[in-house]
Every structure is written in structure tokens, then in C-alpha cells.
Amino acid sequence: MSAPAAAWLLPGLLAAAAYAASPAAAPPASAPAADAAQVAALRQEVSRLQAELDAQRASVASAPPVMDAGGAQPAPQHPAGWTRLLGATLIALVAGFALGWRMLDRRIRRRYGGLRIY
């Protein structure tokens, strides 16, 4: 390394070494104990919230189905929307292909005097 390169690099290295040696850079001695206490408190809160969630799921699972005003149960929801969408898409593709074929056939017959040239 040349002398000019070392001249601009040296102050940065000295500053980094001074920061690493400073007491502010080192964690306090009580940090592991505080971390362990915080982890224990968080685990306890997670277990409490998990118990609440399990209780809510159990109450929803055991709840009777909702009745409408006439007393009849609502019809089950089926993914009929997707099947209708796929059916409509398939019909549109077939119809578009057929109409395109007919239009191309018509243009070719008009251009070549009634002959079909494919």
C-alpha cells in the first residue's frame, strides 16, 4: 500500500479501534440477565395468547350454524363462481376461434375467387 493511501486509511482505523476500546461499545454486564427475563416474559405472553386462540377456535367450532329469518339453514357455499368463469372462458375461446376461422375463410375465398387456399 502506498503512503498516500495509508494516510487517509489510518485515521479511520484509529477511530474504529478507539470506538471498540470504549466502554460504550461493550454491552453492560446485566444485559444477559435482562435478555433472559425479557425472553421469559415473551414466552409467557405467547403461551397465554395461544391459549386464548385455542379457546376461541373451540368456541367457534362448537357454535351452532347460523339460521336465517325463516329458520332454514343457508345453502352451503360452493366454488361455483370459478367453474362458471372457466366455462365462460372456454366458450369464449371456442367461439372466437370459430369466428376467426370463418372470417379468414371468407376473406381468402373472396380474394381468390371462391377457392379455398390453405
C-alpha atoms as a PDB file:
ATOM      1  CA  MET A   1       0.000   0.000   0.000  1.00  0.00           C
ATOM      2  CA  SER A   2       1.359   3.383  -0.903  1.00  0.00           C
ATOM      3  CA  ALA A   3       1.947   6.138   1.615  1.00  0.00           C
ATOM      4  CA  PRO A   4      -0.910   8.429   0.409  1.00  0.00           C
ATOM      5  CA  ALA A   5      -3.408   5.552   0.611  1.00  0.00           C
ATOM      6  CA  ALA A   6      -2.292   4.724   4.141  1.00  0.00           C
ATOM      7  CA  ALA A   7      -2.593   8.387   5.144  1.00  0.00           C
ATOM      8  CA  TRP A   8      -6.349   8.525   4.512  1.00  0.00           C
ATOM      9  CA  LEU A   9      -6.961   4.970   5.796  1.00  0.00           C
ATOM     10  CA  LEU A  10      -5.092   5.334   9.082  1.00  0.00           C
ATOM     11  CA  PRO A  11      -7.433   7.883  10.776  1.00  0.00           C
ATOM     12  CA  GLY A  12     -10.436   5.665  10.074  1.00  0.00           C
ATOM     13  CA  LEU A  13      -8.713   2.613  11.515  1.00  0.00           C
ATOM     14  CA  LEU A  14      -7.633   4.562  14.594  1.00  0.00           C
ATOM     15  CA  ALA A  15     -11.189   5.810  15.135  1.00  0.00           C
ATOM     16  CA  ALA A  16     -12.597   2.272  14.822  1.00  0.00           C
ATOM     17  CA  ALA A  17     -10.053   0.927  17.290  1.00  0.00           C
ATOM     18  CA  ALA A  18     -10.838   3.736  19.745  1.00  0.00           C
ATOM     19  CA  TYR A  19     -14.585   3.010  19.495  1.00  0.00           C
ATOM     20  CA  ALA A  20     -14.062  -0.713  20.065  1.00  0.00           C
ATOM     21  CA  ALA A  21     -11.994   0.021  23.162  1.00  0.00           C
ATOM     22  CA  SER A  22     -14.535   2.500  24.585  1.00  0.00           C
ATOM     23  CA  PRO A  23     -16.905   1.393  27.362  1.00  0.00           C
ATOM     24  CA  ALA A  24     -19.944   2.414  25.273  1.00  0.00           C
ATOM     25  CA  ALA A  25     -19.148  -0.282  22.697  1.00  0.00           C
ATOM     26  CA  ALA A  26     -19.207  -3.117  25.229  1.00  0.00           C
ATOM     27  CA  PRO A  27     -22.634  -4.358  26.373  1.00  0.00           C
ATOM     28  CA  PRO A  28     -23.383  -3.949  30.046  1.00  0.00           C
ATOM     29  CA  ALA A  29     -22.823  -6.932  32.307  1.00  0.00           C
ATOM     30  CA  SER A  30     -26.536  -7.089  33.183  1.00  0.00           C
ATOM     31  CA  ALA A  31     -27.578  -7.483  29.531  1.00  0.00           C
ATOM     32  CA  PRO A  32     -27.751 -11.320  29.524  1.00  0.00           C
ATOM     33  CA  ALA A  33     -29.912 -11.338  32.655  1.00  0.00           C
ATOM     34  CA  ALA A  34     -32.223  -8.665  31.224  1.00  0.00           C
ATOM     35  CA  ASP A  35     -32.437 -10.548  27.936  1.00  0.00           C
ATOM     36  CA  ALA A  36     -33.294 -13.793  29.711  1.00  0.00           C
ATOM     37  CA  ALA A  37     -36.028 -12.074  31.724  1.00  0.00           C
ATOM     38  CA  GLN A  38     -37.463 -10.470  28.592  1.00  0.00           C
ATOM     39  CA  VAL A  39     -37.412 -13.800  26.748  1.00  0.00           C
ATOM     40  CA  ALA A  40     -39.211 -15.492  29.656  1.00  0.00           C
ATOM     41  CA  ALA A  41     -41.857 -12.750  29.733  1.00  0.00           C
ATOM     42  CA  LEU A  42     -42.367 -13.003  25.974  1.00  0.00           C
ATOM     43  CA  ARG A  43     -42.698 -16.795  26.120  1.00  0.00           C
ATOM     44  CA  GLN A  44     -45.272 -16.476  28.891  1.00  0.00           C
ATOM     45  CA  GLU A  45     -47.253 -13.957  26.811  1.00  0.00           C
ATOM     46  CA  VAL A  46     -47.086 -16.221  23.755  1.00  0.00           C
ATOM     47  CA  SER A  47     -48.419 -19.181  25.737  1.00  0.00           C
ATOM     48  CA  ARG A  48     -51.256 -17.022  27.151  1.00  0.00           C
ATOM     49  CA  LEU A  49     -52.204 -15.766  23.675  1.00  0.00           C
ATOM     50  CA  GLN A  50     -52.023 -19.305  22.250  1.00  0.00           C
ATOM     51  CA  ALA A  51     -54.424 -20.498  24.985  1.00  0.00           C
ATOM     52  CA  GLU A  52     -56.824 -17.654  24.099  1.00  0.00           C
ATOM     53  CA  LEU A  53     -56.640 -18.572  20.421  1.00  0.00           C
ATOM     54  CA  ASP A  54     -57.336 -22.237  21.151  1.00  0.00           C
ATOM     55  CA  ALA A  55     -60.339 -21.274  23.295  1.00  0.00           C
ATOM     56  CA  GLN A  56     -61.727 -19.045  20.537  1.00  0.00           C
ATOM     57  CA  ARG A  57     -61.276 -21.773  17.934  1.00  0.00           C
ATOM     58  CA  ALA A  58     -63.051 -24.290  20.172  1.00  0.00           C
ATOM     59  CA  SER A  59     -65.982 -21.918  20.743  1.00  0.00           C
ATOM     60  CA  VAL A  60     -66.338 -21.240  17.006  1.00  0.00           C
ATOM     61  CA  ALA A  61     -66.160 -24.946  16.160  1.00  0.00           C
ATOM     62  CA  SER A  62     -68.858 -25.843  18.697  1.00  0.00           C
ATOM     63  CA  ALA A  63     -71.185 -22.958  17.776  1.00  0.00           C
ATOM     64  CA  PRO A  64     -74.430 -23.925  16.014  1.00  0.00           C
ATOM     65  CA  PRO A  65     -74.832 -22.910  12.381  1.00  0.00           C
ATOM     66  CA  VAL A  66     -76.409 -19.541  11.734  1.00  0.00           C
ATOM     67  CA  MET A  67     -80.088 -19.648  10.770  1.00  0.00           C
ATOM     68  CA  ASP A  68     -81.749 -17.080   8.580  1.00  0.00           C
ATOM     69  CA  ALA A  69     -85.087 -15.399   9.424  1.00  0.00           C
ATOM     70  CA  GLY A  70     -87.198 -18.327   8.155  1.00  0.00           C
ATOM     71  CA  GLY A  71     -85.396 -20.844  10.334  1.00  0.00           C
ATOM     72  CA  ALA A  72     -83.781 -22.649   7.406  1.00  0.00           C
ATOM     73  CA  GLN A  73     -80.079 -23.155   7.207  1.00  0.00           C
ATOM     74  CA  PRO A  74     -78.337 -21.191   4.467  1.00  0.00           C
ATOM     75  CA  ALA A  75     -77.207 -23.100   1.417  1.00  0.00           C
ATOM     76  CA  PRO A  76     -73.588 -24.246   1.555  1.00  0.00           C
ATOM     77  CA  GLN A  77     -71.178 -22.104  -0.366  1.00  0.00           C
ATOM     78  CA  HIS A  78     -69.653 -23.855  -3.374  1.00  0.00           C
ATOM     79  CA  PRO A  79     -66.929 -22.526  -5.616  1.00  0.00           C
ATOM     80  CA  ALA A  80     -69.443 -22.255  -8.461  1.00  0.00           C
ATOM     81  CA  GLY A  81     -68.042 -18.864  -9.419  1.00  0.00           C
ATOM     82  CA  TRP A  82     -64.788 -20.429 -10.602  1.00  0.00           C
ATOM     83  CA  THR A  83     -66.496 -23.143 -12.608  1.00  0.00           C
ATOM     84  CA  ARG A  84     -68.746 -20.594 -14.272  1.00  0.00           C
ATOM     85  CA  LEU A  85     -65.774 -18.386 -15.054  1.00  0.00           C
ATOM     86  CA  LEU A  86     -63.814 -21.270 -16.556  1.00  0.00           C
ATOM     87  CA  GLY A  87     -66.842 -22.394 -18.554  1.00  0.00           C
ATOM     88  CA  ALA A  88     -67.455 -18.899 -19.909  1.00  0.00           C
ATOM     89  CA  THR A  89     -63.768 -18.568 -20.801  1.00  0.00           C
ATOM     90  CA  LEU A  90     -63.781 -21.869 -22.653  1.00  0.00           C
ATOM     91  CA  ILE A  91     -66.931 -20.916 -24.568  1.00  0.00           C
ATOM     92  CA  ALA A  92     -65.435 -17.525 -25.472  1.00  0.00           C
ATOM     93  CA  LEU A  93     -62.224 -19.150 -26.740  1.00  0.00           C
ATOM     94  CA  VAL A  94     -64.082 -21.689 -28.877  1.00  0.00           C
ATOM     95  CA  ALA A  95     -66.439 -19.030 -30.263  1.00  0.00           C
ATOM     96  CA  GLY A  96     -63.525 -16.675 -31.024  1.00  0.00           C
ATOM     97  CA  PHE A  97     -61.616 -19.422 -32.790  1.00  0.00           C
ATOM     98  CA  ALA A  98     -64.653 -20.418 -34.861  1.00  0.00           C
ATOM     99  CA  LEU A  99     -65.492 -16.841 -35.821  1.00  0.00           C
ATOM    100  CA  GLY A 100     -61.870 -16.119 -36.708  1.00  0.00           C
ATOM    101  CA  TRP A 101     -61.706 -19.217 -38.864  1.00  0.00           C
ATOM    102  CA  ARG A 102     -64.920 -18.238 -40.669  1.00  0.00           C
ATOM    103  CA  MET A 103     -63.708 -14.689 -41.254  1.00  0.00           C
ATOM    104  CA  LEU A 104     -60.354 -15.890 -42.582  1.00  0.00           C
ATOM    105  CA  ASP A 105     -62.115 -18.397 -44.845  1.00  0.00           C
ATOM    106  CA  ARG A 106     -64.411 -15.691 -46.170  1.00  0.00           C
ATOM    107  CA  ARG A 107     -61.540 -13.308 -46.920  1.00  0.00           C
ATOM    108  CA  ILE A 108     -59.498 -15.994 -48.689  1.00  0.00           C
ATOM    109  CA  ARG A 109     -62.454 -17.116 -50.835  1.00  0.00           C
ATOM    110  CA  ARG A 110     -63.225 -13.502 -51.752  1.00  0.00           C
ATOM    111  CA  ARG A 111     -59.596 -12.829 -52.703  1.00  0.00           C
ATOM    112  CA  TYR A 112     -59.110 -15.988 -54.787  1.00  0.00           C
ATOM    113  CA  GLY A 113     -62.497 -16.173 -56.480  1.00  0.00           C
ATOM    114  CA  GLY A 114     -64.186 -18.783 -54.310  1.00  0.00           C
ATOM    115  CA  LEU A 115     -61.209 -21.118 -53.953  1.00  0.00           C
ATOM    116  CA  ARG A 116     -60.111 -22.208 -50.515  1.00  0.00           C
ATOM    117  CA  ILE A 117     -56.345 -21.970 -50.356  1.00  0.00           C
ATOM    118  CA  TYR A 118     -54.902 -23.065 -47.032  1.00  0.00           C
END
